[in-house]
Amino acid sequence: MDEAEILRTAKDCGRVLVVTEDRFHGGAAATISSVITGGDGLYDLEAPVKTVTAIDARVAYGVDGDNACLPTVEKIVAAIEDLHNNY
């Protein structure tokens, strides 16, 4: 993981949305969020780091399970709108 690039990008953008099909706990989103907020990157942010991840439960199989458990376009768009409109 290129932590320097993550910090540079967070500084350039000021807002961060991390999207992953992992669960938050033990997944990439938690690690990336920690890289940004655990050091000097926190002071460059204009908004809290938001994450859109799989639900924190056992993932169901099949198309229905994916739709219920994994990030959807609607969830991602809602998170982007929240970052844009509220910060």
C-alpha atoms as a PDB file:
ATOM      1  CA  MET A   1       0.000   0.000   0.000  1.00  0.00           C
ATOM      2  CA  ASP A   2       1.413   3.369  -1.018  1.00  0.00           C
ATOM      3  CA  GLU A   3       0.766   5.358   2.138  1.00  0.00           C
ATOM      4  CA  ALA A   4       2.522   8.467   0.828  1.00  0.00           C
ATOM      5  CA  GLU A   5       0.235   8.540  -2.214  1.00  0.00           C
ATOM      6  CA  ILE A   6      -2.851   8.021  -0.056  1.00  0.00           C
ATOM      7  CA  LEU A   7      -1.843  10.977   2.127  1.00  0.00           C
ATOM      8  CA  ARG A   8      -1.000  13.141  -0.905  1.00  0.00           C
ATOM      9  CA  THR A   9      -4.346  12.404  -2.526  1.00  0.00           C
ATOM     10  CA  ALA A  10      -6.262  13.083   0.699  1.00  0.00           C
ATOM     11  CA  LYS A  11      -4.460  16.418   1.026  1.00  0.00           C
ATOM     12  CA  ASP A  12      -5.180  17.355  -2.600  1.00  0.00           C
ATOM     13  CA  CYS A  13      -8.876  16.459  -2.371  1.00  0.00           C
ATOM     14  CA  GLY A  14      -9.712  17.410   1.214  1.00  0.00           C
ATOM     15  CA  ARG A  15     -12.473  14.797   1.260  1.00  0.00           C
ATOM     16  CA  VAL A  16     -12.111  11.025   1.195  1.00  0.00           C
ATOM     17  CA  LEU A  17     -14.588   8.265   0.444  1.00  0.00           C
ATOM     18  CA  VAL A  18     -13.190   4.749   0.727  1.00  0.00           C
ATOM     19  CA  VAL A  19     -15.255   2.111  -1.085  1.00  0.00           C
ATOM     20  CA  THR A  20     -14.492  -1.586  -0.738  1.00  0.00           C
ATOM     21  CA  GLU A  21     -16.268  -4.918  -0.812  1.00  0.00           C
ATOM     22  CA  ASP A  22     -14.431  -5.870   2.392  1.00  0.00           C
ATOM     23  CA  ARG A  23     -16.094  -5.491   5.751  1.00  0.00           C
ATOM     24  CA  PHE A  24     -14.946  -2.418   7.631  1.00  0.00           C
ATOM     25  CA  HIS A  25     -13.400  -4.348  10.545  1.00  0.00           C
ATOM     26  CA  GLY A  26     -10.166  -5.889   9.362  1.00  0.00           C
ATOM     27  CA  GLY A  27     -10.612  -4.604   5.825  1.00  0.00           C
ATOM     28  CA  ALA A  28      -8.868  -2.134   3.560  1.00  0.00           C
ATOM     29  CA  ALA A  29     -11.218   0.741   4.445  1.00  0.00           C
ATOM     30  CA  ALA A  30     -10.184   0.703   8.089  1.00  0.00           C
ATOM     31  CA  THR A  31      -6.511   0.577   7.155  1.00  0.00           C
ATOM     32  CA  ILE A  32      -6.749   3.414   4.633  1.00  0.00           C
ATOM     33  CA  SER A  33      -8.793   5.524   7.064  1.00  0.00           C
ATOM     34  CA  SER A  34      -6.192   4.911   9.752  1.00  0.00           C
ATOM     35  CA  VAL A  35      -3.338   5.929   7.441  1.00  0.00           C
ATOM     36  CA  ILE A  36      -5.085   9.235   6.747  1.00  0.00           C
ATOM     37  CA  THR A  37      -6.348  10.087  10.226  1.00  0.00           C
ATOM     38  CA  GLY A  38      -3.490   8.589  12.217  1.00  0.00           C
ATOM     39  CA  GLY A  39      -0.937  11.161  11.148  1.00  0.00           C
ATOM     40  CA  ASP A  40      -0.659  14.594   9.631  1.00  0.00           C
ATOM     41  CA  GLY A  41      -3.305  13.779   7.002  1.00  0.00           C
ATOM     42  CA  LEU A  42      -6.067  14.522   9.474  1.00  0.00           C
ATOM     43  CA  TYR A  43      -5.277  18.241   9.405  1.00  0.00           C
ATOM     44  CA  ASP A  44      -5.643  18.393   5.607  1.00  0.00           C
ATOM     45  CA  LEU A  45      -9.218  17.113   5.593  1.00  0.00           C
ATOM     46  CA  GLU A  46     -12.290  19.306   5.144  1.00  0.00           C
ATOM     47  CA  ALA A  47     -14.621  16.469   6.174  1.00  0.00           C
ATOM     48  CA  PRO A  48     -14.447  13.179   8.063  1.00  0.00           C
ATOM     49  CA  VAL A  49     -13.267  10.143   6.115  1.00  0.00           C
ATOM     50  CA  LYS A  50     -16.373   8.239   4.972  1.00  0.00           C
ATOM     51  CA  THR A  51     -16.446   4.564   4.130  1.00  0.00           C
ATOM     52  CA  VAL A  52     -18.829   2.404   2.140  1.00  0.00           C
ATOM     53  CA  THR A  53     -18.170  -1.266   2.848  1.00  0.00           C
ATOM     54  CA  ALA A  54     -19.895  -4.621   2.898  1.00  0.00           C
ATOM     55  CA  ILE A  55     -22.237  -5.106   5.821  1.00  0.00           C
ATOM     56  CA  ASP A  56     -20.503  -6.385   8.917  1.00  0.00           C
ATOM     57  CA  ALA A  57     -22.018  -9.851   8.713  1.00  0.00           C
ATOM     58  CA  ARG A  58     -21.536 -13.092   6.892  1.00  0.00           C
ATOM     59  CA  VAL A  59     -21.937 -12.364   3.163  1.00  0.00           C
ATOM     60  CA  ALA A  60     -24.733 -14.247   1.438  1.00  0.00           C
ATOM     61  CA  TYR A  61     -24.120 -15.995  -1.869  1.00  0.00           C
ATOM     62  CA  GLY A  62     -25.669 -15.210  -5.230  1.00  0.00           C
ATOM     63  CA  VAL A  63     -26.963 -12.039  -6.835  1.00  0.00           C
ATOM     64  CA  ASP A  64     -29.502 -11.389  -4.082  1.00  0.00           C
ATOM     65  CA  GLY A  65     -26.809 -11.781  -1.443  1.00  0.00           C
ATOM     66  CA  ASP A  66     -24.461  -9.430  -3.267  1.00  0.00           C
ATOM     67  CA  ASN A  67     -27.175  -6.774  -3.522  1.00  0.00           C
ATOM     68  CA  ALA A  68     -27.985  -7.082   0.176  1.00  0.00           C
ATOM     69  CA  CYS A  69     -24.427  -7.203   1.511  1.00  0.00           C
ATOM     70  CA  LEU A  70     -22.064  -5.344  -0.809  1.00  0.00           C
ATOM     71  CA  PRO A  71     -21.799  -1.620  -1.582  1.00  0.00           C
ATOM     72  CA  THR A  72     -24.273  -0.522  -4.238  1.00  0.00           C
ATOM     73  CA  VAL A  73     -24.249   2.415  -6.600  1.00  0.00           C
ATOM     74  CA  GLU A  74     -27.014   3.972  -4.530  1.00  0.00           C
ATOM     75  CA  LYS A  75     -25.003   3.709  -1.298  1.00  0.00           C
ATOM     76  CA  ILE A  76     -21.900   5.148  -2.973  1.00  0.00           C
ATOM     77  CA  VAL A  77     -23.821   8.065  -4.522  1.00  0.00           C
ATOM     78  CA  ALA A  78     -25.508   8.803  -1.167  1.00  0.00           C
ATOM     79  CA  ALA A  79     -22.103   8.918   0.567  1.00  0.00           C
ATOM     80  CA  ILE A  80     -20.690  11.237  -2.115  1.00  0.00           C
ATOM     81  CA  GLU A  81     -23.704  13.536  -1.829  1.00  0.00           C
ATOM     82  CA  ASP A  82     -23.328  13.587   1.949  1.00  0.00           C
ATOM     83  CA  LEU A  83     -19.671  14.578   1.675  1.00  0.00           C
ATOM     84  CA  HIS A  84     -20.493  17.260  -0.894  1.00  0.00           C
ATOM     85  CA  ASN A  85     -23.599  18.720   0.720  1.00  0.00           C
ATOM     86  CA  ASN A  86     -22.750  18.562   4.419  1.00  0.00           C
ATOM     87  CA  TYR A  87     -19.083  19.543   4.536  1.00  0.00           C
END
